[in-house]
């Protein structure tokens, strides 16, 4: 599959001319190392300003990619990915045609599998030689050393296995100072290796030991997370895996139910992040009737300490956790009145009332749900949550209380005019058969608002400005009225992203109008003066070139590129991209 996805042409298309050329330079100077191809995945290292790790693989028929460089982090197919793709292509070129360029060879010669070669070699070695190989590698690889040490402790060590694992967990989870996202990989790898070893204990005769060790590891890693930037969720994923192992081990070992309940309750209420769920519902099978009862006793004892509140005094983590535990217990028991009583202990916002109303509605108690929702609206008349208003509007529609439903929706639109509130108006007024008149009213208000904001003068806006018609354009696009969108876009200021969207919709039927919009947007993008903006601008210029080609205006496109060179001459990085585009366009003729 990769042979169909990776060609010089596809690499060029994915990266763009400039990045492809840079990647070709990296490949030509031998910057690619440790190239590995296993199944449909390629991995390699590329030596640049730093050492970058690159992966290429097939995903649903497309070439997926990842690199540790900042450019790839922004979602771009970077020069390092290009270099690895070219190196892989070169590796596939037949030895019979050494002059062939990467990706050009048509040879069907089967490439040797390096892993198969290594396996075949190892099959010929004596046990003593293999042991020497492994010990030699273990001296240079801490992860392998720890893995072998834990295996040895369990099989031939004769020592305290729990103590050995605890020591390994301590070493893997110990940190000195804050770990940022760039360095989290090594920390995660050390923990992951210990978890791999722990997974080997998920057997009937060692499950009880795993229960204890998994709890210890989860606590250690959760507390370590307080000093780790786990933006990519790598450590969180490892903790989740530990939680799954712990649940399986508890089900397998069936430890003392009451003691397990006490430990689970402590973990659920004290861990700083709560990555894993230790509530009674999750562990119902392992807890049994006795354990569930003990868990409830502990929860109710803490719940009695929680006082009702009607004012939002900020987030209270302990309160939230105990309330969550109590709610889950009530849900498990199917007691709606108990669940409402628990939720009603915190009526600090209209959203809390909504939660109760939704619970009652789900239970089929529509009248009670309406009462709680209206209580929430009355309790917070100046700041009700819009979801509460939507909930009430839906009920009012069902009960033929038309004016109240429409009024609740209009209030939202007037408070925050926007596409989403316009859609709500469309939905409610449409169901009432009133949309045409309500639409005109809404559009008139938006036009008046745009005019007033344009005429307003302040310290930061000393002169009147053109009206901003961005919202009107977004509404027209949603309504699929391209004529109205085009008109509004030319009546005043408009967000550039909306102009690009409009241009894209005009490409097939009105290519000249699409070209006009793209050309209008390009200078606004390039004037940001950063490489990301330059690449974004080039993509739009490519679109202009494609459209002009369909209109037989290739010469005019060349004139347009010449104009850009003059207009943005000081922006050297952008001009390089323009020149690359000009060369690729000329080569394609």
Protein backbone atom coordinates (compact mmCIF):
# COMPACT_ATOMS: atom_id res chain seq x y z
CA UNK A 1 0.00 0.00 0.00
CA UNK A 2 2.81 2.41 0.84
CA UNK A 3 4.31 1.91 -2.60
CA UNK A 4 1.14 3.43 -4.07
CA UNK A 5 1.00 6.27 -1.55
CA UNK A 6 4.64 7.36 -1.56
CA UNK A 7 5.99 8.76 -4.82
CA UNK A 8 8.02 11.86 -5.60
CA UNK A 9 4.85 13.43 -6.96
CA UNK A 10 2.76 12.79 -3.84
CA UNK A 11 5.55 13.99 -1.57
CA UNK A 12 5.78 17.20 -3.60
CA UNK A 13 2.01 17.71 -3.49
CA UNK A 14 1.81 17.13 0.26
CA UNK A 15 4.76 19.31 1.19
CA UNK A 16 4.65 22.04 -1.43
CA UNK A 17 7.56 23.11 -3.61
CA UNK A 18 9.75 24.79 -0.99
CA UNK A 19 9.44 22.08 1.67
CA UNK A 20 9.97 19.36 -0.94
CA UNK A 21 13.21 20.96 -2.11
CA UNK A 22 14.46 21.26 1.47
CA UNK A 23 13.54 17.65 2.14
CA UNK A 24 15.39 16.60 -0.98
CA UNK A 25 18.48 18.41 0.35
CA UNK A 26 18.21 16.58 3.69
CA UNK A 27 17.96 13.25 1.87
CA UNK A 28 20.84 14.00 -0.49
CA UNK A 29 23.27 14.83 2.35
CA UNK A 30 22.41 11.62 4.21
CA UNK A 31 20.49 13.20 7.09
CA UNK A 32 18.08 10.24 7.28
CA UNK A 33 19.08 7.43 9.59
CA UNK A 34 17.63 4.37 11.30
CA UNK A 35 15.10 3.85 8.51
CA UNK A 36 12.75 1.02 9.43
CA UNK A 37 9.74 -0.32 7.49
CA UNK A 38 7.55 -2.76 9.39
CA UNK A 39 4.13 -3.74 8.03
CA UNK A 40 2.68 -0.50 6.64
CA UNK A 41 4.64 1.86 8.87
CA UNK A 42 7.97 3.62 8.24
CA UNK A 43 10.06 5.14 11.03
CA UNK A 44 13.33 7.06 10.82
CA UNK A 45 15.42 9.77 12.40
CA UNK A 46 16.41 12.95 10.55
CA UNK A 47 19.36 15.05 11.65
CA UNK A 48 18.62 18.77 11.28
CA UNK A 49 18.91 21.60 13.79
CA UNK A 50 17.92 18.80 16.18
CA UNK A 51 17.26 15.09 15.79
CA UNK A 52 13.70 14.57 14.60
CA UNK A 53 11.70 11.35 14.77
CA UNK A 54 9.51 10.76 11.70
CA UNK A 55 6.75 8.22 11.09
CA UNK A 56 4.84 7.56 7.86
CA UNK A 57 2.00 5.07 7.64
CA UNK A 58 -1.12 4.13 5.72
CA UNK A 59 -4.44 5.24 7.21
CA UNK A 60 -7.68 4.44 5.38
CA UNK A 61 -5.99 4.61 2.02
CA UNK A 62 -4.13 7.86 2.68
CA UNK A 63 -0.57 8.65 3.73
CA UNK A 64 -0.53 9.65 7.40
CA UNK A 65 2.52 11.29 8.93
CA UNK A 66 4.08 12.57 12.12
CA UNK A 67 7.30 14.37 12.97
CA UNK A 68 8.62 15.87 16.19
CA UNK A 69 9.42 19.19 14.50
CA UNK A 70 7.28 22.33 15.14
CA UNK A 71 6.19 22.50 11.49
CA UNK A 72 4.59 19.05 11.66
CA UNK A 73 3.05 19.94 15.03
CA UNK A 74 1.12 22.65 13.15
CA UNK A 75 -0.28 19.98 10.82
CA UNK A 76 2.03 20.41 7.84
CA UNK A 77 3.82 17.70 5.85
CA UNK A 78 7.33 18.88 6.69
CA UNK A 79 10.70 18.63 4.96
CA UNK A 80 11.74 15.84 7.33
CA UNK A 81 8.78 13.72 6.21
CA UNK A 82 9.81 14.39 2.61
CA UNK A 83 13.38 13.26 3.35
CA UNK A 84 12.19 10.02 4.94
CA UNK A 85 9.81 9.34 2.05
CA UNK A 86 12.64 9.82 -0.45
CA UNK A 87 14.96 7.62 1.61
CA UNK A 88 12.35 4.86 1.64
CA UNK A 89 11.92 5.18 -2.10
CA UNK A 90 15.67 5.03 -2.63
CA UNK A 91 15.84 1.91 -0.49
CA UNK A 92 13.35 0.23 -2.81
CA UNK A 93 15.21 1.06 -6.03
CA UNK A 94 16.60 -2.07 -7.65
CA UNK A 95 20.33 -2.64 -7.40
CA UNK A 96 20.21 -3.34 -11.11
CA UNK A 97 19.41 0.33 -11.81
CA UNK A 98 21.60 2.37 -9.44
CA UNK A 99 21.09 5.53 -11.54
CA UNK A 100 17.34 5.51 -11.05
CA UNK A 101 15.94 8.42 -9.03
CA UNK A 102 13.92 7.60 -5.92
CA UNK A 103 10.34 6.95 -6.93
CA UNK A 104 11.15 6.53 -10.62
CA UNK A 105 12.02 2.82 -10.60
CA UNK A 106 9.51 0.36 -11.99
CA UNK A 107 11.40 -2.62 -10.62
CA UNK A 108 9.36 -5.28 -8.85
CA UNK A 109 12.40 -6.69 -7.05
CA UNK A 110 11.48 -7.78 -3.57
CA UNK A 111 13.21 -5.78 -0.85
CA UNK A 112 14.90 -7.73 1.92
CA UNK A 113 13.24 -7.60 5.31
CA UNK A 114 15.94 -6.52 7.84
CA UNK A 115 13.97 -7.98 10.75
CA UNK A 116 13.78 -11.34 9.03
CA UNK A 117 17.55 -11.20 8.43
CA UNK A 118 18.15 -10.46 12.12
CA UNK A 119 15.84 -13.30 13.19
CA UNK A 120 17.52 -15.75 10.84
CA UNK A 121 20.91 -14.71 12.24
CA UNK A 122 19.79 -15.12 15.85
CA UNK A 123 18.39 -18.58 15.08
CA UNK A 124 21.95 -19.71 14.32
CA UNK A 125 23.41 -18.50 17.62
CA UNK A 126 23.96 -20.52 20.79
CA UNK A 127 22.06 -19.69 24.00
CA UNK A 128 25.28 -18.45 25.58
CA UNK A 129 25.90 -16.02 22.70
CA UNK A 130 22.31 -14.75 22.85
CA UNK A 131 22.64 -14.15 26.58
CA UNK A 132 25.81 -12.13 25.99
CA UNK A 133 24.05 -10.08 23.31
CA UNK A 134 21.12 -9.36 25.62
CA UNK A 135 23.25 -8.45 28.61
CA UNK A 136 25.36 -6.15 26.47
CA UNK A 137 22.29 -4.30 25.21
CA UNK A 138 20.78 -4.17 28.72
CA UNK A 139 23.86 -2.34 29.96
CA UNK A 140 23.09 0.47 27.49
CA UNK A 141 19.27 0.39 27.65
CA UNK A 142 17.73 1.24 31.03
CA UNK A 143 14.24 0.16 29.94
CA UNK A 144 15.43 -3.28 28.90
CA UNK A 145 17.49 -3.56 32.09
CA UNK A 146 14.45 -2.82 34.27
CA UNK A 147 12.28 -5.23 32.33
CA UNK A 148 14.79 -8.06 32.65
CA UNK A 149 15.38 -7.30 36.31
CA UNK A 150 11.66 -7.54 37.16
CA UNK A 151 11.31 -10.78 35.22
CA UNK A 152 14.32 -12.21 37.01
CA UNK A 153 12.96 -11.15 40.41
CA UNK A 154 9.74 -13.04 39.77
CA UNK A 155 11.30 -16.18 38.35
CA UNK A 156 14.69 -16.76 39.94
CA UNK A 157 15.32 -13.87 42.33
CA UNK A 158 13.80 -15.43 45.41
CA UNK A 159 13.28 -11.94 46.81
CA UNK A 160 10.28 -9.77 47.53
CA UNK A 161 8.52 -9.25 44.18
CA UNK A 162 6.29 -6.47 45.52
CA UNK A 163 9.29 -4.61 46.88
CA UNK A 164 11.11 -4.96 43.55
CA UNK A 165 8.14 -3.60 41.62
CA UNK A 166 7.63 -0.74 44.07
CA UNK A 167 11.27 0.21 43.65
CA UNK A 168 10.87 0.15 39.86
CA UNK A 169 7.70 2.26 40.08
CA UNK A 170 9.46 4.76 42.34
CA UNK A 171 12.39 5.11 39.95
CA UNK A 172 10.20 5.48 36.87
CA UNK A 173 7.85 8.06 38.43
CA UNK A 174 10.46 10.15 40.24
CA UNK A 175 11.00 13.60 38.76
CA UNK A 176 13.19 16.54 39.67
CA UNK A 177 11.63 19.79 38.54
CA UNK A 178 8.99 20.46 35.91
CA UNK A 179 8.93 18.30 32.76
CA UNK A 180 7.71 20.14 29.66
CA UNK A 181 6.04 18.52 26.66
CA UNK A 182 9.30 18.20 24.73
CA UNK A 183 10.85 15.93 27.36
CA UNK A 184 7.79 13.97 28.41
CA UNK A 185 8.52 11.11 26.00
CA UNK A 186 11.43 9.71 28.03
CA UNK A 187 9.45 9.96 31.28
CA UNK A 188 6.45 8.23 29.67
CA UNK A 189 8.65 5.51 28.20
CA UNK A 190 10.11 4.61 31.60
CA UNK A 191 6.66 4.34 33.17
CA UNK A 192 5.28 2.42 30.20
CA UNK A 193 8.03 -0.18 30.54
CA UNK A 194 7.10 -0.80 34.19
CA UNK A 195 3.42 -1.06 33.23
CA UNK A 196 4.35 -3.65 30.59
CA UNK A 197 6.00 -5.69 33.32
CA UNK A 198 3.02 -5.23 35.63
CA UNK A 199 0.72 -6.55 32.89
CA UNK A 200 2.51 -9.90 33.15
CA UNK A 201 1.04 -10.23 36.67
CA UNK A 202 -2.53 -10.30 35.35
CA UNK A 203 -2.91 -14.01 36.11
CA UNK A 204 -5.01 -15.81 38.75
CA UNK A 205 -2.04 -16.58 40.99
CA UNK A 206 -0.59 -13.03 40.91
CA UNK A 207 -3.71 -10.86 40.41
CA UNK A 208 -3.86 -9.95 44.12
CA UNK A 209 -0.29 -8.62 43.92
CA UNK A 210 -1.20 -6.64 40.81
CA UNK A 211 -4.13 -5.00 42.64
CA UNK A 212 -1.77 -3.60 45.26
CA UNK A 213 0.92 -2.56 42.80
CA UNK A 214 -1.48 -0.94 40.33
CA UNK A 215 -2.97 1.22 43.08
CA UNK A 216 0.51 2.25 44.18
CA UNK A 217 1.57 3.05 40.61
CA UNK A 218 -1.57 5.08 39.87
CA UNK A 219 -1.07 7.22 42.96
CA UNK A 220 2.60 7.79 42.20
CA UNK A 221 2.05 8.75 38.58
CA UNK A 222 -1.00 10.95 39.29
CA UNK A 223 1.00 12.98 41.80
CA UNK A 224 3.93 13.17 39.37
CA UNK A 225 1.53 14.57 36.76
CA UNK A 226 1.28 17.75 38.83
CA UNK A 227 4.77 18.60 37.54
CA UNK A 228 4.41 17.34 33.95
CA UNK A 229 3.05 19.02 30.83
CA UNK A 230 1.06 16.10 29.46
CA UNK A 231 -0.52 18.09 26.63
CA UNK A 232 -0.60 15.10 24.29
CA UNK A 233 -2.18 12.85 26.94
CA UNK A 234 0.61 10.28 26.84
CA UNK A 235 0.92 9.91 30.62
CA UNK A 236 -2.84 10.05 31.06
CA UNK A 237 -3.15 7.15 28.63
CA UNK A 238 -0.70 5.09 30.67
CA UNK A 239 -2.64 5.82 33.87
CA UNK A 240 -5.86 4.76 32.13
CA UNK A 241 -4.20 1.51 31.14
CA UNK A 242 -3.19 0.96 34.78
CA UNK A 243 -6.79 1.57 35.80
CA UNK A 244 -8.07 -1.04 33.36
CA UNK A 245 -5.52 -3.55 34.65
CA UNK A 246 -6.53 -2.79 38.24
CA UNK A 247 -10.21 -3.41 37.50
CA UNK A 248 -9.41 -6.71 35.76
CA UNK A 249 -7.14 -7.79 38.60
CA UNK A 250 -9.81 -6.98 41.22
CA UNK A 251 -12.38 -9.02 39.30
CA UNK A 252 -9.92 -11.89 39.03
CA UNK A 253 -8.57 -11.82 42.59
CA UNK A 254 -11.80 -10.80 44.41
CA UNK A 255 -10.04 -9.17 47.42
CA UNK A 256 -11.81 -8.46 50.72
CA UNK A 257 -14.88 -6.43 49.67
CA UNK A 258 -15.00 -3.97 52.56
CA UNK A 259 -11.26 -3.23 52.41
CA UNK A 260 -11.45 -2.79 48.64
CA UNK A 261 -14.38 -0.37 49.02
CA UNK A 262 -12.39 1.76 51.45
CA UNK A 263 -9.37 1.91 49.14
CA UNK A 264 -11.49 2.68 46.10
CA UNK A 265 -13.32 5.47 47.91
CA UNK A 266 -10.03 6.99 49.02
CA UNK A 267 -8.61 6.87 45.49
CA UNK A 268 -11.79 8.35 43.99
CA UNK A 269 -11.79 11.28 46.41
CA UNK A 270 -8.10 12.10 46.83
CA UNK A 271 -6.21 11.67 43.55
CA UNK A 272 -5.33 15.07 42.04
CA UNK A 273 -6.56 14.38 38.49
CA UNK A 274 -8.90 11.40 38.78
CA UNK A 275 -7.85 9.92 35.45
CA UNK A 276 -9.36 6.54 36.33
CA UNK A 277 -12.83 5.88 37.72
CA UNK A 278 -12.87 4.17 41.10
CA UNK A 279 -16.59 4.60 41.78
CA UNK A 280 -18.85 1.82 43.00
CA UNK A 281 -20.64 1.34 39.68
CA UNK A 282 -17.37 0.68 37.85
CA UNK A 283 -16.30 -1.92 40.44
CA UNK A 284 -19.76 -3.40 41.11
CA UNK A 285 -18.72 -6.95 40.20
CA UNK A 286 -15.59 -6.94 42.38
CA UNK A 287 -17.29 -5.21 45.33
CA UNK A 288 -20.37 -7.38 45.57
CA UNK A 289 -23.23 -6.55 47.94
CA UNK A 290 -21.00 -6.16 51.00
CA UNK A 291 -18.49 -3.90 49.26
CA UNK A 292 -21.21 -1.73 47.69
CA UNK A 293 -22.80 -1.22 51.09
CA UNK A 294 -19.48 -0.18 52.63
CA UNK A 295 -18.79 2.21 49.75
CA UNK A 296 -22.23 3.80 50.24
CA UNK A 297 -21.63 4.18 54.00
CA UNK A 298 -18.38 6.05 53.35
CA UNK A 299 -20.00 8.27 50.73
CA UNK A 300 -23.03 9.13 52.85
CA UNK A 301 -20.82 9.97 55.83
CA UNK A 302 -18.93 12.51 53.71
CA UNK A 303 -22.11 13.77 52.03
CA UNK A 304 -23.63 14.69 55.39
CA UNK A 305 -20.74 17.12 55.87
CA UNK A 306 -21.59 18.96 52.63
CA UNK A 307 -23.79 22.01 53.18
CA UNK A 308 -26.37 23.24 50.65
CA UNK A 309 -25.37 26.28 48.64
CA UNK A 310 -27.23 28.70 46.41
CA UNK A 311 -24.36 31.05 45.56
CA UNK A 312 -21.49 30.22 43.20
CA UNK A 313 -18.43 30.47 45.44
CA UNK A 314 -16.03 28.94 42.97
CA UNK A 315 -15.02 25.39 42.25
CA UNK A 316 -14.86 23.00 45.21
CA UNK A 317 -13.10 19.83 44.07
CA UNK A 318 -14.00 17.78 47.15
CA UNK A 319 -17.66 18.75 46.95
CA UNK A 320 -17.78 17.93 43.26
CA UNK A 321 -16.30 14.46 43.79
CA UNK A 322 -18.58 13.51 46.66
CA UNK A 323 -21.62 14.78 44.77
CA UNK A 324 -20.57 12.77 41.73
CA UNK A 325 -20.20 9.62 43.83
CA UNK A 326 -23.62 10.13 45.40
CA UNK A 327 -25.22 10.75 42.02
CA UNK A 328 -23.73 7.57 40.59
CA UNK A 329 -25.01 5.59 43.58
CA UNK A 330 -28.49 7.03 43.17
CA UNK A 331 -28.44 6.33 39.42
CA UNK A 332 -27.36 2.75 40.06
CA UNK A 333 -30.25 2.34 42.48
CA UNK A 334 -32.74 3.91 40.08
CA UNK A 335 -34.05 6.32 42.75
CA UNK A 336 -34.97 9.55 40.91
CA UNK A 337 -36.13 11.38 44.02
CA UNK A 338 -32.82 10.61 45.75
CA UNK A 339 -30.95 11.85 42.69
CA UNK A 340 -32.97 15.09 42.63
CA UNK A 341 -32.33 15.59 46.35
CA UNK A 342 -28.59 15.20 45.80
CA UNK A 343 -28.54 17.61 42.87
CA UNK A 344 -30.69 20.17 44.69
CA UNK A 345 -28.04 20.54 47.39
CA UNK A 346 -26.25 22.83 44.93
CA UNK A 347 -28.50 25.46 43.31
CA UNK A 348 -25.74 27.96 42.69
CA UNK A 349 -26.56 28.54 39.01
CA UNK A 350 -29.39 28.19 36.55
CA UNK A 351 -27.45 25.34 34.99
CA UNK A 352 -27.93 23.34 38.19
CA UNK A 353 -31.68 23.72 37.85
CA UNK A 354 -31.40 22.57 34.26
CA UNK A 355 -29.59 19.40 35.37
CA UNK A 356 -32.47 18.55 37.70
CA UNK A 357 -35.05 19.35 35.01
CA UNK A 358 -33.29 17.12 32.48
CA UNK A 359 -33.10 14.27 35.01
CA UNK A 360 -36.85 14.51 35.63
CA UNK A 361 -37.66 14.80 31.93
CA UNK A 362 -35.60 11.70 31.17
CA UNK A 363 -37.60 9.86 33.86
CA UNK A 364 -40.84 10.85 32.15
CA UNK A 365 -41.86 13.42 34.78
CA UNK A 366 -42.51 16.29 32.39
CA UNK A 367 -44.51 18.50 34.79
CA UNK A 368 -41.82 18.31 37.47
CA UNK A 369 -39.17 19.03 34.85
CA UNK A 370 -41.03 22.15 33.69
CA UNK A 371 -41.42 23.35 37.29
CA UNK A 372 -37.70 23.04 38.04
CA UNK A 373 -36.73 24.73 34.76
CA UNK A 374 -39.04 27.68 35.45
CA UNK A 375 -37.70 27.90 38.99
CA UNK A 376 -34.20 28.20 37.55
CA UNK A 377 -35.28 30.99 35.18
CA UNK A 378 -36.93 32.85 38.05
CA UNK A 379 -33.96 32.38 40.40
CA UNK A 380 -31.51 33.81 37.86
CA UNK A 381 -33.49 36.32 35.77
CA UNK A 382 -30.41 38.33 34.77
CA UNK A 383 -28.07 35.47 33.88
CA UNK A 384 -29.93 32.30 32.94
CA UNK A 385 -27.99 29.69 31.01
CA UNK A 386 -29.02 29.56 27.36
CA UNK A 387 -29.36 25.77 27.54
CA UNK A 388 -32.03 26.32 30.19
CA UNK A 389 -33.82 28.75 27.88
CA UNK A 390 -33.61 26.22 25.04
CA UNK A 391 -34.97 23.49 27.30
CA UNK A 392 -37.94 25.67 28.27
CA UNK A 393 -38.56 26.80 24.70
CA UNK A 394 -38.80 23.16 23.59
CA UNK A 395 -41.33 22.40 26.33
CA UNK A 396 -43.33 25.53 25.52
CA UNK A 397 -43.51 24.49 21.88
CA UNK A 398 -44.88 21.07 22.85
CA UNK A 399 -47.47 22.73 25.10
CA UNK A 400 -48.47 25.28 22.45
CA UNK A 401 -47.13 28.20 24.49
CA UNK A 402 -45.92 29.86 21.30
CA UNK A 403 -45.25 33.40 22.46
CA UNK A 404 -43.14 32.25 25.41
CA UNK A 405 -41.06 29.91 23.23
CA UNK A 406 -40.38 32.63 20.67
CA UNK A 407 -39.60 35.25 23.31
CA UNK A 408 -37.00 33.04 25.01
CA UNK A 409 -35.27 32.57 21.66
CA UNK A 410 -35.42 36.26 20.75
CA UNK A 411 -33.83 37.22 24.05
CA UNK A 412 -30.82 35.07 23.18
CA UNK A 413 -30.50 36.62 19.72
CA UNK A 414 -30.73 40.16 21.06
CA UNK A 415 -28.19 39.46 23.82
CA UNK A 416 -25.70 37.88 21.45
CA UNK A 417 -26.47 38.34 17.75
CA UNK A 418 -24.72 35.59 15.83
CA UNK A 419 -25.15 32.71 13.45
CA UNK A 420 -25.99 30.19 16.19
CA UNK A 421 -28.73 32.34 17.74
CA UNK A 422 -30.02 33.11 14.22
CA UNK A 423 -30.30 29.36 13.65
CA UNK A 424 -32.25 29.00 16.89
CA UNK A 425 -34.68 31.68 15.73
CA UNK A 426 -35.04 29.86 12.42
CA UNK A 427 -35.79 26.59 14.22
CA UNK A 428 -38.39 27.95 16.65
CA UNK A 429 -40.07 30.46 14.30
CA UNK A 430 -40.10 27.83 11.55
CA UNK A 431 -42.02 25.41 13.77
CA UNK A 432 -44.51 28.19 14.50
CA UNK A 433 -44.87 29.11 10.80
CA UNK A 434 -43.53 32.61 11.47
CA UNK A 435 -40.05 32.45 9.96
CA UNK A 436 -40.29 34.88 6.99
CA UNK A 437 -41.41 37.79 9.18
CA UNK A 438 -39.04 36.89 12.01
CA UNK A 439 -36.15 36.58 9.54
CA UNK A 440 -36.72 40.08 8.19
CA UNK A 441 -36.90 41.42 11.73
CA UNK A 442 -33.63 39.70 12.65
CA UNK A 443 -31.80 40.89 9.52
CA UNK A 444 -33.04 44.45 10.06
CA UNK A 445 -31.66 44.38 13.60
CA UNK A 446 -28.31 43.09 12.34
CA UNK A 447 -28.11 45.85 9.71
CA UNK A 448 -28.93 48.47 12.33
CA UNK A 449 -26.33 47.03 14.71
CA UNK A 450 -23.63 47.05 12.00
CA UNK A 451 -24.42 50.69 11.15
CA UNK A 452 -24.36 51.82 14.79
CA UNK A 453 -21.07 50.04 15.50
CA UNK A 454 -19.51 51.59 12.37
CA UNK A 455 -20.65 55.09 13.33
CA UNK A 456 -19.55 54.78 16.96
CA UNK A 457 -16.49 56.79 18.05
CA UNK A 458 -14.29 56.02 21.03
CA UNK A 459 -10.80 56.56 22.35
CA UNK A 460 -9.61 53.52 20.39
CA UNK A 461 -11.77 54.32 17.32
CA UNK A 462 -11.62 58.08 16.76
CA UNK A 463 -13.31 57.96 13.34
CA UNK A 464 -16.35 56.17 11.91
CA UNK A 465 -15.55 53.02 9.94
CA UNK A 466 -17.12 50.87 7.29
CA UNK A 467 -19.81 48.54 8.66
CA UNK A 468 -18.76 44.98 9.38
CA UNK A 469 -20.90 42.57 7.36
CA UNK A 470 -19.18 39.38 8.45
CA UNK A 471 -22.22 38.06 10.30
CA UNK A 472 -24.50 38.85 7.37
CA UNK A 473 -22.17 36.93 5.04
CA UNK A 474 -22.03 33.94 7.41
CA UNK A 475 -25.84 33.85 7.51
CA UNK A 476 -26.07 34.03 3.73
CA UNK A 477 -23.58 31.17 3.43
CA UNK A 478 -25.62 29.10 5.87
CA UNK A 479 -28.75 29.85 3.86
CA UNK A 480 -26.79 28.92 0.69
CA UNK A 481 -27.64 32.27 -0.85
CA UNK A 482 -24.40 33.05 -2.68
CA UNK A 483 -25.79 36.19 -4.29
CA UNK A 484 -26.67 37.67 -0.90
CA UNK A 485 -23.26 36.63 0.47
CA UNK A 486 -21.49 38.29 -2.49
CA UNK A 487 -23.48 41.50 -2.06
CA UNK A 488 -22.88 41.69 1.70
CA UNK A 489 -19.17 40.95 1.28
CA UNK A 490 -18.83 44.05 -0.89
CA UNK A 491 -20.85 46.41 1.29
CA UNK A 492 -18.26 46.77 4.03
CA UNK A 493 -15.73 44.89 6.12
CA UNK A 494 -15.78 41.08 6.05
CA UNK A 495 -13.75 38.41 7.82
CA UNK A 496 -11.17 36.99 5.45
CA UNK A 497 -12.00 33.37 6.32
CA UNK A 498 -15.57 33.97 5.24
CA UNK A 499 -14.32 35.46 1.98
CA UNK A 500 -12.22 32.35 1.37
CA UNK A 501 -15.23 30.13 2.11
CA UNK A 502 -17.39 32.15 -0.25
CA UNK A 503 -14.72 31.99 -2.95
CA UNK A 504 -14.55 28.22 -2.60
CA UNK A 505 -18.31 27.93 -3.15
CA UNK A 506 -18.12 30.21 -6.19
CA UNK A 507 -15.27 28.36 -7.91
CA UNK A 508 -17.33 26.06 -10.13
CA UNK A 509 -20.15 28.41 -11.22
CA UNK A 510 -18.45 31.80 -10.97
CA UNK A 511 -14.67 31.25 -11.22
CA UNK A 512 -13.86 34.89 -12.01
CA UNK A 513 -15.64 36.04 -8.84
CA UNK A 514 -13.76 33.38 -6.88
CA UNK A 515 -10.46 34.66 -8.31
CA UNK A 516 -11.40 38.21 -7.33
CA UNK A 517 -12.06 37.20 -3.72
CA UNK A 518 -8.88 35.14 -3.42
CA UNK A 519 -6.82 38.02 -4.77
CA UNK A 520 -8.52 40.34 -2.30
CA UNK A 521 -7.60 38.10 0.65
CA UNK A 522 -3.99 37.23 -0.24
CA UNK A 523 -2.46 40.63 0.75
CA UNK A 524 -4.25 40.56 4.11
CA UNK A 525 -2.71 37.18 4.84
CA UNK A 526 0.81 37.94 3.63
CA UNK A 527 0.90 41.22 5.58
CA UNK A 528 0.97 39.17 8.80
CA UNK A 529 4.66 38.61 8.01
CA UNK A 530 5.24 35.08 9.26
CA UNK A 531 6.00 31.83 7.46
CA UNK A 532 2.68 30.20 8.34
CA UNK A 533 0.85 33.12 6.76
CA UNK A 534 3.08 32.91 3.69
CA UNK A 535 2.26 29.23 3.22
CA UNK A 536 -1.45 30.00 3.66
CA UNK A 537 -1.20 32.75 1.06
CA UNK A 538 0.57 30.48 -1.40
CA UNK A 539 -2.23 27.91 -1.14
CA UNK A 540 -4.75 30.56 -2.20
CA UNK A 541 -2.45 31.72 -5.00
CA UNK A 542 -2.33 28.11 -6.21
CA UNK A 543 -6.14 28.15 -6.32
CA UNK A 544 -6.02 31.36 -8.37
CA UNK A 545 -3.59 29.69 -10.76
CA UNK A 546 -5.81 26.63 -11.16
CA UNK A 547 -8.89 28.73 -11.84
CA UNK A 548 -7.05 30.96 -14.32
CA UNK A 549 -5.80 27.88 -16.13
CA UNK A 550 -9.39 26.66 -16.62
CA UNK A 551 -10.23 30.09 -18.02
CA UNK A 552 -7.23 29.98 -20.38
CA UNK A 553 -5.62 32.86 -18.47
CA UNK A 554 -2.21 31.32 -17.78
CA UNK A 555 -0.43 34.42 -19.05
CA UNK A 556 -2.51 36.62 -16.74
CA UNK A 557 -1.50 34.35 -13.86
CA UNK A 558 2.13 34.99 -14.70
CA UNK A 559 1.40 38.72 -14.61
CA UNK A 560 -0.27 38.26 -11.22
CA UNK A 561 2.83 36.52 -9.82
CA UNK A 562 4.97 39.37 -11.15
CA UNK A 563 2.72 41.87 -9.36
CA UNK A 564 3.12 39.93 -6.12
CA UNK A 565 6.92 40.02 -6.45
CA UNK A 566 6.82 43.80 -6.74
CA UNK A 567 4.21 44.34 -4.02
CA UNK A 568 5.92 42.11 -1.45
CA UNK A 569 9.56 42.43 -2.47
CA UNK A 570 10.82 43.00 1.14
CA UNK A 571 9.25 39.70 2.27
CA UNK A 572 12.01 37.41 1.04
CA UNK A 573 10.63 34.15 2.39
CA UNK A 574 7.32 34.79 0.68
CA UNK A 575 9.02 35.70 -2.60
CA UNK A 576 10.92 32.39 -2.49
CA UNK A 577 7.60 30.55 -2.27
CA UNK A 578 6.22 32.60 -5.15
CA UNK A 579 9.29 31.72 -7.25
CA UNK A 580 8.90 28.02 -6.38
CA UNK A 581 5.28 28.18 -7.49
CA UNK A 582 6.24 29.92 -10.71
CA UNK A 583 8.82 27.22 -11.50
CA UNK A 584 6.43 24.35 -10.78
CA UNK A 585 3.75 26.04 -12.89
CA UNK A 586 6.16 26.48 -15.78
CA UNK A 587 7.32 22.85 -15.50
CA UNK A 588 3.72 21.62 -15.65
CA UNK A 589 3.08 23.31 -19.03
